C-alpha atoms as a PDB file:
ATOM      1  CA  ALA A   1     -30.505 -35.494 -80.452  1.00  0.00           C
ATOM      2  CA  ASN A   2     -33.344 -37.544 -79.009  1.00  0.00           C
ATOM      3  CA  VAL A   3     -32.275 -41.121 -79.617  1.00  0.00           C
ATOM      4  CA  GLY A   4     -32.659 -44.235 -77.558  1.00  0.00           C
ATOM      5  CA  PRO A   5     -33.496 -47.936 -77.491  1.00  0.00           C
ATOM      6  CA  SER A   6     -37.254 -47.236 -77.537  1.00  0.00           C
ATOM      7  CA  ASP A   7     -37.171 -45.671 -81.003  1.00  0.00           C
ATOM      8  CA  ASP A   8     -37.874 -47.765 -84.118  1.00  0.00           C
ATOM      9  CA  ILE A   9     -34.778 -48.475 -86.262  1.00  0.00           C
ATOM     10  CA  TRP A  10     -32.922 -45.829 -84.316  1.00  0.00           C
ATOM     11  CA  PHE A  11     -29.380 -47.188 -84.378  1.00  0.00           C
ATOM     12  CA  PRO A  12     -28.256 -45.584 -87.687  1.00  0.00           C
ATOM     13  CA  THR A  13     -28.906 -42.213 -86.037  1.00  0.00           C
ATOM     14  CA  ILE A  14     -25.975 -42.561 -83.638  1.00  0.00           C
ATOM     15  CA  ASP A  15     -23.542 -42.865 -86.549  1.00  0.00           C
ATOM     16  CA  ASP A  16     -23.849 -39.068 -86.493  1.00  0.00           C
ATOM     17  CA  LYS A  17     -21.144 -37.846 -84.139  1.00  0.00           C
ATOM     18  CA  MET A  18     -23.333 -35.407 -82.209  1.00  0.00           C
ATOM     19  CA  ALA A  19     -26.144 -37.938 -81.819  1.00  0.00           C
ATOM     20  CA  GLY A  20     -23.651 -40.549 -80.633  1.00  0.00           C
ATOM     21  CA  LEU A  21     -22.251 -38.150 -78.035  1.00  0.00           C
ATOM     22  CA  ALA A  22     -25.748 -37.308 -76.809  1.00  0.00           C
ATOM     23  CA  PHE A  23     -26.570 -41.011 -76.550  1.00  0.00           C
ATOM     24  CA  VAL A  24     -23.539 -41.973 -74.434  1.00  0.00           C
ATOM     25  CA  LYS A  25     -23.843 -38.879 -72.236  1.00  0.00           C
ATOM     26  CA  GLY A  26     -27.252 -40.118 -71.155  1.00  0.00           C
ATOM     27  CA  LEU A  27     -25.584 -43.358 -70.069  1.00  0.00           C
ATOM     28  CA  GLY A  28     -22.840 -41.658 -68.072  1.00  0.00           C
ATOM     29  CA  VAL A  29     -20.023 -42.546 -70.480  1.00  0.00           C
ATOM     30  CA  GLN A  30     -17.231 -39.980 -70.475  1.00  0.00           C
ATOM     31  CA  ALA A  31     -16.474 -38.010 -73.662  1.00  0.00           C
ATOM     32  CA  PRO A  32     -14.385 -34.881 -74.338  1.00  0.00           C
ATOM     33  CA  LYS A  33     -16.181 -31.622 -73.565  1.00  0.00           C
ATOM     34  CA  ILE A  34     -17.969 -29.936 -76.483  1.00  0.00           C
ATOM     35  CA  PHE A  35     -17.039 -26.274 -77.051  1.00  0.00           C
ATOM     36  CA  CYS A  36     -18.804 -25.478 -80.330  1.00  0.00           C
ATOM     37  CA  CYS A  37     -21.279 -27.072 -82.708  1.00  0.00           C
ATOM     38  CA  SER A  38     -21.934 -25.133 -85.908  1.00  0.00           C
ATOM     39  CA  GLU A  39     -23.624 -25.676 -89.240  1.00  0.00           C
ATOM     40  CA  THR A  40     -21.551 -23.095 -91.108  1.00  0.00           C
ATOM     41  CA  LEU A  41     -17.845 -22.364 -91.265  1.00  0.00           C
ATOM     42  CA  SER A  42     -18.433 -18.707 -90.394  1.00  0.00           C
ATOM     43  CA  ASP A  43     -20.305 -19.705 -87.219  1.00  0.00           C
ATOM     44  CA  LEU A  44     -17.518 -22.133 -86.362  1.00  0.00           C
ATOM     45  CA  LYS A  45     -14.853 -19.433 -86.640  1.00  0.00           C
ATOM     46  CA  SER A  46     -16.985 -16.985 -84.671  1.00  0.00           C
ATOM     47  CA  CYS A  47     -17.494 -19.513 -81.871  1.00  0.00           C
ATOM     48  CA  ILE A  48     -13.793 -20.341 -81.671  1.00  0.00           C
ATOM     49  CA  TRP A  49     -12.629 -16.722 -81.732  1.00  0.00           C
ATOM     50  CA  SER A  50     -15.190 -15.708 -79.088  1.00  0.00           C
ATOM     51  CA  ASN A  51     -14.795 -18.614 -76.691  1.00  0.00           C
ATOM     52  CA  LEU A  52     -11.409 -20.278 -77.188  1.00  0.00           C
ATOM     53  CA  PRO A  53      -8.467 -17.895 -76.709  1.00  0.00           C
ATOM     54  CA  LEU A  54      -4.992 -18.739 -77.947  1.00  0.00           C
ATOM     55  CA  GLY A  55      -3.404 -21.523 -75.975  1.00  0.00           C
ATOM     56  CA  HIS A  56      -6.744 -23.300 -75.518  1.00  0.00           C
ATOM     57  CA  GLU A  57      -6.334 -26.876 -76.762  1.00  0.00           C
ATOM     58  CA  TYR A  58      -9.110 -28.295 -78.905  1.00  0.00           C
ATOM     59  CA  VAL A  59     -10.059 -30.625 -81.750  1.00  0.00           C
ATOM     60  CA  ILE A  60     -12.107 -29.600 -84.805  1.00  0.00           C
ATOM     61  CA  HIS A  61     -14.237 -32.230 -86.562  1.00  0.00           C
ATOM     62  CA  VAL A  62     -15.510 -31.507 -90.074  1.00  0.00           C
ATOM     63  CA  MET A  63     -18.632 -33.658 -90.399  1.00  0.00           C
ATOM     64  CA  GLY A  64     -20.441 -34.789 -93.522  1.00  0.00           C
ATOM     65  CA  GLY A  65     -17.874 -33.294 -95.854  1.00  0.00           C
ATOM     66  CA  THR A  66     -15.762 -34.690 -98.665  1.00  0.00           C
ATOM     67  CA  SER A  67     -13.006 -35.814 -96.285  1.00  0.00           C
ATOM     68  CA  SER A  68     -14.824 -36.652 -93.074  1.00  0.00           C
ATOM     69  CA  HIS A  69     -13.688 -40.287 -92.870  1.00  0.00           C
ATOM     70  CA  SER A  70     -10.461 -41.814 -91.540  1.00  0.00           C
ATOM     71  CA  ASN A  71      -9.768 -38.652 -89.521  1.00  0.00           C
ATOM     72  CA  GLN A  72      -9.062 -36.587 -92.641  1.00  0.00           C
ATOM     73  CA  GLY A  73     -11.611 -34.061 -91.431  1.00  0.00           C
ATOM     74  CA  THR A  74     -10.160 -33.873 -87.924  1.00  0.00           C
ATOM     75  CA  PHE A  75      -7.732 -31.167 -86.801  1.00  0.00           C
ATOM     76  CA  VAL A  76      -5.997 -31.575 -83.439  1.00  0.00           C
ATOM     77  CA  LEU A  77      -4.694 -28.199 -82.262  1.00  0.00           C
ATOM     78  CA  PRO A  78      -2.974 -28.494 -78.845  1.00  0.00           C
ATOM     79  CA  ASP A  79      -2.034 -24.785 -78.879  1.00  0.00           C
ATOM     80  CA  GLY A  80      -5.212 -23.539 -80.522  1.00  0.00           C
ATOM     81  CA  ALA A  81      -5.051 -21.217 -83.550  1.00  0.00           C
ATOM     82  CA  GLU A  82      -6.396 -17.853 -84.623  1.00  0.00           C
ATOM     83  CA  LEU A  83      -9.468 -19.159 -86.420  1.00  0.00           C
ATOM     84  CA  GLY A  84     -12.001 -16.369 -86.745  1.00  0.00           C
ATOM     85  CA  SER A  85      -9.480 -13.592 -86.188  1.00  0.00           C
ATOM     86  CA  PRO A  86     -10.071 -10.578 -88.455  1.00  0.00           C
ATOM     87  CA  SER A  87      -6.304 -10.325 -88.947  1.00  0.00           C
ATOM     88  CA  PRO A  88      -4.612 -13.685 -88.268  1.00  0.00           C
ATOM     89  CA  SER A  89      -0.846 -13.703 -87.984  1.00  0.00           C
ATOM     90  CA  SER A  90       1.582 -15.935 -89.878  1.00  0.00           C
ATOM     91  CA  THR A  91       2.335 -17.926 -86.712  1.00  0.00           C
ATOM     92  CA  LEU A  92       2.585 -21.682 -87.237  1.00  0.00           C
ATOM     93  CA  TYR A  93       0.361 -23.860 -85.061  1.00  0.00           C
ATOM     94  CA  ARG A  94       0.917 -27.545 -84.415  1.00  0.00           C
ATOM     95  CA  GLU A  95      -1.575 -30.054 -85.796  1.00  0.00           C
ATOM     96  CA  LEU A  96      -0.898 -33.392 -84.112  1.00  0.00           C
ATOM     97  CA  LEU A  97      -2.797 -35.748 -86.406  1.00  0.00           C
ATOM     98  CA  ARG A  98      -0.765 -34.735 -89.450  1.00  0.00           C
ATOM     99  CA  GLY A  99       2.414 -34.167 -87.447  1.00  0.00           C
ATOM    100  CA  GLU A 100       2.927 -30.748 -89.042  1.00  0.00           C
ATOM    101  CA  SER A 101       2.469 -27.055 -88.297  1.00  0.00           C
ATOM    102  CA  PHE A 102       0.253 -24.665 -90.270  1.00  0.00           C
ATOM    103  CA  THR A 103      -0.723 -21.023 -90.299  1.00  0.00           C
ATOM    104  CA  THR A 104      -4.286 -20.109 -89.416  1.00  0.00           C
ATOM    105  CA  ALA A 105      -4.955 -19.300 -93.078  1.00  0.00           C
ATOM    106  CA  GLN A 106      -3.768 -22.764 -94.116  1.00  0.00           C
ATOM    107  CA  ILE A 107      -5.958 -24.473 -91.507  1.00  0.00           C
ATOM    108  CA  GLU A 108      -9.001 -22.463 -92.568  1.00  0.00           C
ATOM    109  CA  SER A 109      -8.319 -23.275 -96.221  1.00  0.00           C
ATOM    110  CA  MET A 110      -8.116 -27.022 -95.518  1.00  0.00           C
ATOM    111  CA  ILE A 111     -11.336 -26.952 -93.509  1.00  0.00           C
ATOM    112  CA  GLU A 112     -13.150 -24.925 -96.161  1.00  0.00           C
ATOM    113  CA  SER A 113     -12.060 -27.313 -98.934  1.00  0.00           C
ATOM    114  CA  MET A 114     -13.846 -30.187 -97.179  1.00  0.00           C
ATOM    115  CA  ASN A 115     -17.308 -28.642 -97.640  1.00  0.00           C
ATOM    116  CA  GLY A 116     -18.508 -29.784 -94.253  1.00  0.00           C
ATOM    117  CA  ALA A 117     -22.202 -30.087 -93.468  1.00  0.00           C
ATOM    118  CA  SER A 118     -21.511 -29.231 -89.825  1.00  0.00           C
ATOM    119  CA  TYR A 119     -18.609 -28.659 -87.458  1.00  0.00           C
ATOM    120  CA  LEU A 120     -17.863 -29.831 -83.941  1.00  0.00           C
ATOM    121  CA  VAL A 121     -15.160 -28.581 -81.571  1.00  0.00           C
ATOM    122  CA  GLN A 122     -14.165 -30.648 -78.553  1.00  0.00           C
ATOM    123  CA  LYS A 123     -11.565 -30.383 -75.833  1.00  0.00           C
ATOM    124  CA  PHE A 124      -8.261 -32.044 -76.735  1.00  0.00           C
ATOM    125  CA  ILE A 125      -7.382 -34.886 -74.355  1.00  0.00           C
ATOM    126  CA  SER A 126      -3.675 -35.657 -74.378  1.00  0.00           C
ATOM    127  CA  GLY A 127      -2.554 -39.248 -74.141  1.00  0.00           C
ATOM    128  CA  SER A 128       0.262 -38.271 -71.785  1.00  0.00           C
ATOM    129  CA  SER A 129       0.476 -36.033 -68.741  1.00  0.00           C
ATOM    130  CA  THR A 130       4.034 -35.012 -69.606  1.00  0.00           C
ATOM    131  CA  SER A 131       3.700 -34.186 -73.316  1.00  0.00           C
ATOM    132  CA  GLN A 132       0.953 -33.385 -75.807  1.00  0.00           C
ATOM    133  CA  THR A 133       0.414 -36.627 -77.696  1.00  0.00           C
ATOM    134  CA  LEU A 134      -2.556 -38.368 -79.249  1.00  0.00           C
ATOM    135  CA  PRO A 135      -3.956 -41.105 -77.005  1.00  0.00           C
ATOM    136  CA  THR A 136      -4.148 -44.727 -78.103  1.00  0.00           C
ATOM    137  CA  GLU A 137      -7.429 -45.589 -79.835  1.00  0.00           C
ATOM    138  CA  TYR A 138      -9.362 -48.816 -79.322  1.00  0.00           C
ATOM    139  CA  LYS A 139     -11.976 -49.497 -81.993  1.00  0.00           C
ATOM    140  CA  PHE A 140     -14.242 -52.317 -80.850  1.00  0.00           C
ATOM    141  CA  HIS A 141     -16.115 -54.280 -83.520  1.00  0.00           C
ATOM    142  CA  MET A 142     -19.240 -55.182 -81.563  1.00  0.00           C
ATOM    143  CA  PHE A 143     -21.992 -57.675 -82.400  1.00  0.00           C
ATOM    144  CA  GLY A 144     -24.413 -56.794 -79.655  1.00  0.00           C
ATOM    145  CA  SER A 145     -22.437 -57.422 -76.471  1.00  0.00           C
ATOM    146  CA  GLU A 146     -19.981 -59.756 -78.238  1.00  0.00           C
ATOM    147  CA  ILE A 147     -16.530 -58.415 -79.104  1.00  0.00           C
ATOM    148  CA  GLY A 148     -15.588 -59.536 -82.609  1.00  0.00           C
ATOM    149  CA  ALA A 149     -12.231 -57.789 -82.785  1.00  0.00           C
ATOM    150  CA  ILE A 150     -10.395 -54.701 -81.574  1.00  0.00           C
ATOM    151  CA  THR A 151      -8.472 -52.373 -83.867  1.00  0.00           C
ATOM    152  CA  VAL A 152      -5.673 -50.642 -81.963  1.00  0.00           C
ATOM    153  CA  VAL A 153      -4.239 -47.396 -83.363  1.00  0.00           C
ATOM    154  CA  ALA A 154      -1.305 -45.763 -81.595  1.00  0.00           C
ATOM    155  CA  ASN A 155       1.261 -43.000 -82.050  1.00  0.00           C
ATOM    156  CA  ARG A 156      -0.764 -41.136 -84.676  1.00  0.00           C
ATOM    157  CA  GLY A 157       1.021 -38.160 -86.193  1.00  0.00           C
ATOM    158  CA  THR A 158       4.487 -39.651 -85.639  1.00  0.00           C
ATOM    159  CA  ASP A 159       6.804 -41.897 -87.641  1.00  0.00           C
ATOM    160  CA  ARG A 160       5.965 -44.672 -85.161  1.00  0.00           C
ATOM    161  CA  ALA A 161       2.223 -44.733 -85.928  1.00  0.00           C
ATOM    162  CA  TYR A 162       0.752 -48.232 -86.246  1.00  0.00           C
ATOM    163  CA  PHE A 163      -2.424 -50.285 -86.129  1.00  0.00           C
ATOM    164  CA  ALA A 164      -3.073 -53.840 -84.976  1.00  0.00           C
ATOM    165  CA  GLU A 165      -6.015 -56.233 -84.877  1.00  0.00           C
ATOM    166  CA  VAL A 166      -6.482 -58.252 -81.685  1.00  0.00           C
ATOM    167  CA  ASP A 167      -9.217 -60.246 -80.013  1.00  0.00           C
ATOM    168  CA  GLU A 168     -10.592 -59.495 -76.555  1.00  0.00           C
ATOM    169  CA  ASP A 169      -7.812 -61.582 -74.962  1.00  0.00           C
ATOM    170  CA  TRP A 170      -5.197 -59.593 -76.904  1.00  0.00           C
ATOM    171  CA  ASN A 171      -4.315 -62.420 -79.296  1.00  0.00           C
ATOM    172  CA  ARG A 172      -3.154 -60.986 -82.606  1.00  0.00           C
ATOM    173  CA  LEU A 173      -5.534 -61.427 -85.545  1.00  0.00           C
ATOM    174  CA  ASP A 174      -3.265 -59.855 -88.163  1.00  0.00           C
ATOM    175  CA  THR A 175      -0.366 -62.310 -88.376  1.00  0.00           C
ATOM    176  CA  GLN A 176      -1.479 -64.363 -91.381  1.00  0.00           C
ATOM    177  CA  GLY A 177      -0.380 -62.003 -94.121  1.00  0.00           C
ATOM    178  CA  CYS A 178      -2.449 -59.819 -96.421  1.00  0.00           C
ATOM    179  CA  PHE A 179      -4.467 -60.226 -99.583  1.00  0.00           C
ATOM    180  CA  GLU A 180      -2.229 -59.474-102.552  1.00  0.00           C
ATOM    181  CA  ALA A 181      -3.704 -58.913-106.008  1.00  0.00           C
ATOM    182  CA  GLY A 182      -2.309 -61.230-108.695  1.00  0.00           C
ATOM    183  CA  ASP A 183      -0.472 -59.896-111.774  1.00  0.00           C
ATOM    184  CA  ASN A 184      -3.558 -59.936-114.000  1.00  0.00           C
ATOM    185  CA  VAL A 185      -5.377 -57.611-111.582  1.00  0.00           C
ATOM    186  CA  LYS A 186      -2.675 -55.148-110.561  1.00  0.00           C
ATOM    187  CA  GLY A 187      -3.203 -51.822-112.219  1.00  0.00           C
ATOM    188  CA  GLN A 188      -6.678 -52.758-113.433  1.00  0.00           C
ATOM    189  CA  SER A 189     -10.016 -51.559-112.166  1.00  0.00           C
ATOM    190  CA  LYS A 190     -12.670 -53.903-110.840  1.00  0.00           C
ATOM    191  CA  THR A 191     -14.725 -53.288-113.999  1.00  0.00           C
ATOM    192  CA  GLN A 192     -11.829 -54.186-116.267  1.00  0.00           C
ATOM    193  CA  CYS A 193     -11.417 -57.577-114.663  1.00  0.00           C
ATOM    194  CA  ALA A 194     -15.157 -58.280-114.506  1.00  0.00           C
ATOM    195  CA  GLY A 195     -15.195 -58.051-110.723  1.00  0.00           C
ATOM    196  CA  LEU A 196     -12.894 -61.065-110.257  1.00  0.00           C
ATOM    197  CA  TYR A 197      -9.772 -60.737-108.160  1.00  0.00           C
ATOM    198  CA  ASP A 198      -6.818 -63.053-108.514  1.00  0.00           C
ATOM    199  CA  ILE A 199      -5.537 -63.252-104.950  1.00  0.00           C
ATOM    200  CA  ASP A 200      -1.909 -64.267-104.568  1.00  0.00           C
ATOM    201  CA  PHE A 201      -1.900 -65.665-101.032  1.00  0.00           C
ATOM    202  CA  ARG A 202       1.734 -66.773-101.190  1.00  0.00           C
ATOM    203  CA  GLU A 203       2.947 -63.299-102.089  1.00  0.00           C
ATOM    204  CA  GLY A 204       0.549 -61.658 -99.675  1.00  0.00           C
ATOM    205  CA  ALA A 205       1.881 -63.680 -96.761  1.00  0.00           C
ATOM    206  CA  LYS A 206       5.274 -61.981 -97.198  1.00  0.00           C
ATOM    207  CA  HIS A 207       4.015 -58.409 -97.239  1.00  0.00           C
ATOM    208  CA  ALA A 208       2.519 -56.218 -94.531  1.00  0.00           C
ATOM    209  CA  HIS A 209       0.500 -53.517 -96.245  1.00  0.00           C
ATOM    210  CA  THR A 210      -0.628 -50.273 -94.743  1.00  0.00           C
ATOM    211  CA  VAL A 211      -4.244 -49.798 -93.711  1.00  0.00           C
ATOM    212  CA  LYS A 212      -5.420 -46.196 -94.036  1.00  0.00           C
ATOM    213  CA  GLY A 213      -1.787 -45.158 -94.147  1.00  0.00           C
ATOM    214  CA  LEU A 214      -0.754 -47.068 -91.018  1.00  0.00           C
ATOM    215  CA  ASN A 215       1.678 -49.957 -90.746  1.00  0.00           C
ATOM    216  CA  VAL A 216       0.947 -53.154 -88.837  1.00  0.00           C
ATOM    217  CA  GLY A 217       2.424 -52.835 -85.354  1.00  0.00           C
ATOM    218  CA  ASN A 218       5.264 -55.121 -84.333  1.00  0.00           C
ATOM    219  CA  CYS A 219       4.973 -54.815 -80.570  1.00  0.00           C
ATOM    220  CA  VAL A 220       1.523 -53.788 -79.357  1.00  0.00           C
ATOM    221  CA  PRO A 221       1.489 -53.214 -75.574  1.00  0.00           C
ATOM    222  CA  ARG A 222      -1.572 -54.518 -73.819  1.00  0.00           C
ATOM    223  CA  PRO A 223      -3.346 -52.028 -71.532  1.00  0.00           C
ATOM    224  CA  SER A 224      -3.390 -52.768 -67.821  1.00  0.00           C
ATOM    225  CA  SER A 225      -6.045 -55.265 -66.750  1.00  0.00           C
ATOM    226  CA  CYS A 226      -8.000 -52.442 -65.104  1.00  0.00           C
ATOM    227  CA  VAL A 227      -8.078 -50.328 -68.287  1.00  0.00           C
ATOM    228  CA  MET A 228      -8.818 -53.349 -70.479  1.00  0.00           C
ATOM    229  CA  ASP A 229     -11.707 -54.405 -68.272  1.00  0.00           C
ATOM    230  CA  SER A 230     -13.116 -50.870 -68.350  1.00  0.00           C
ATOM    231  CA  LEU A 231     -12.837 -50.682 -72.144  1.00  0.00           C
ATOM    232  CA  LYS A 232     -14.653 -53.997 -72.542  1.00  0.00           C
ATOM    233  CA  ASN A 233     -17.311 -53.143 -69.987  1.00  0.00           C
ATOM    234  CA  VAL A 234     -18.164 -49.843 -71.688  1.00  0.00           C
ATOM    235  CA  THR A 235     -18.351 -51.368 -75.160  1.00  0.00           C
ATOM    236  CA  ARG A 236     -20.431 -54.323 -73.970  1.00  0.00           C
ATOM    237  CA  VAL A 237     -22.977 -52.029 -72.346  1.00  0.00           C
ATOM    238  CA  LEU A 238     -23.196 -49.850 -75.463  1.00  0.00           C
ATOM    239  CA  GLY A 239     -23.125 -52.801 -77.853  1.00  0.00           C
ATOM    240  CA  ASN A 240     -25.907 -54.553 -75.965  1.00  0.00           C
ATOM    241  CA  LEU A 241     -28.102 -51.450 -76.225  1.00  0.00           C
ATOM    242  CA  VAL A 242     -27.438 -51.045 -79.943  1.00  0.00           C
ATOM    243  CA  GLY A 243     -28.143 -54.722 -80.579  1.00  0.00           C
ATOM    244  CA  VAL A 244     -26.609 -54.895 -84.074  1.00  0.00           C
ATOM    245  CA  TYR A 245     -23.082 -54.657 -85.469  1.00  0.00           C
ATOM    246  CA  MET A 246     -21.493 -51.355 -84.569  1.00  0.00           C
ATOM    247  CA  ARG A 247     -17.887 -50.231 -84.283  1.00  0.00           C
ATOM    248  CA  ILE A 248     -17.482 -48.404 -80.995  1.00  0.00           C
ATOM    249  CA  ASP A 249     -14.396 -46.203 -80.782  1.00  0.00           C
ATOM    250  CA  LEU A 250     -12.827 -45.326 -77.446  1.00  0.00           C
ATOM    251  CA  PHE A 251      -9.454 -43.942 -76.437  1.00  0.00           C
ATOM    252  CA  ALA A 252      -7.431 -44.188 -73.248  1.00  0.00           C
ATOM    253  CA  THR A 253      -4.783 -41.957 -71.725  1.00  0.00           C
ATOM    254  CA  GLU A 254      -1.591 -43.201 -70.082  1.00  0.00           C
ATOM    255  CA  SER A 255      -3.177 -42.507 -66.699  1.00  0.00           C
ATOM    256  CA  GLY A 256      -6.046 -44.877 -67.539  1.00  0.00           C
ATOM    257  CA  HIS A 257      -8.846 -42.410 -68.257  1.00  0.00           C
ATOM    258  CA  ILE A 258     -11.234 -43.709 -70.937  1.00  0.00           C
ATOM    259  CA  TYR A 259     -13.226 -41.540 -73.343  1.00  0.00           C
ATOM    260  CA  PHE A 260     -15.831 -42.233 -75.999  1.00  0.00           C
ATOM    261  CA  GLN A 261     -15.022 -41.121 -79.580  1.00  0.00           C
ATOM    262  CA  GLU A 262     -17.790 -42.237 -81.893  1.00  0.00           C
ATOM    263  CA  PHE A 263     -19.998 -44.971 -83.317  1.00  0.00           C
ATOM    264  CA  THR A 264     -19.405 -46.237 -86.855  1.00  0.00           C
END
């Protein structure tokens, strides 16, 4: 992808995962290695079977499909799988994002059902050096070089998964309760109630709702000052180049290595 600050109205281009990766690579920002990039499922399976033997850890991204948002189109396979094999076995392979194990046939079926426009395979980066876990994600809501908020997502794929909203000084922004629909709106569509929502703030203040299936975190550990400074420096450089609102997603390992995920 040939994108950059000199192009006219170029910033929507980097919402595409491959274009975003190409953009940050040119700036020296670290991202997981790319193994395969395919436009068809058959090419994806061929690439994996030819280049990634069993035991090779990788992540498959289904892009532009029916379930490509909120990580539904992402498959994290720390032990690999037999995708592309002419005769796959019934062996179960771990998928960390869902916290379950599937056969190769089941994984292929899920990917196929998403009708992806393209497919990307990247190296899996574990959050821990002692066990295969998903690293903590830091989603920076950037307005140019200004940090509006940071969404923290940790422990994905476990029963301890959570999210939190903080500012750049790690003050919580999610402690004032949630919007709760009033009785005359619950169970009704927006059309049925003429687009008006009766918000029950008193009730909402007592309830912590899930966001994209994740609970609000109780205790949200702050990264070390070194990691936090690096996260903010990277996002400020990228945000300043983009020049408009953009969510910039990074993740960090326990050892402090920082990687770019995507622009949104």
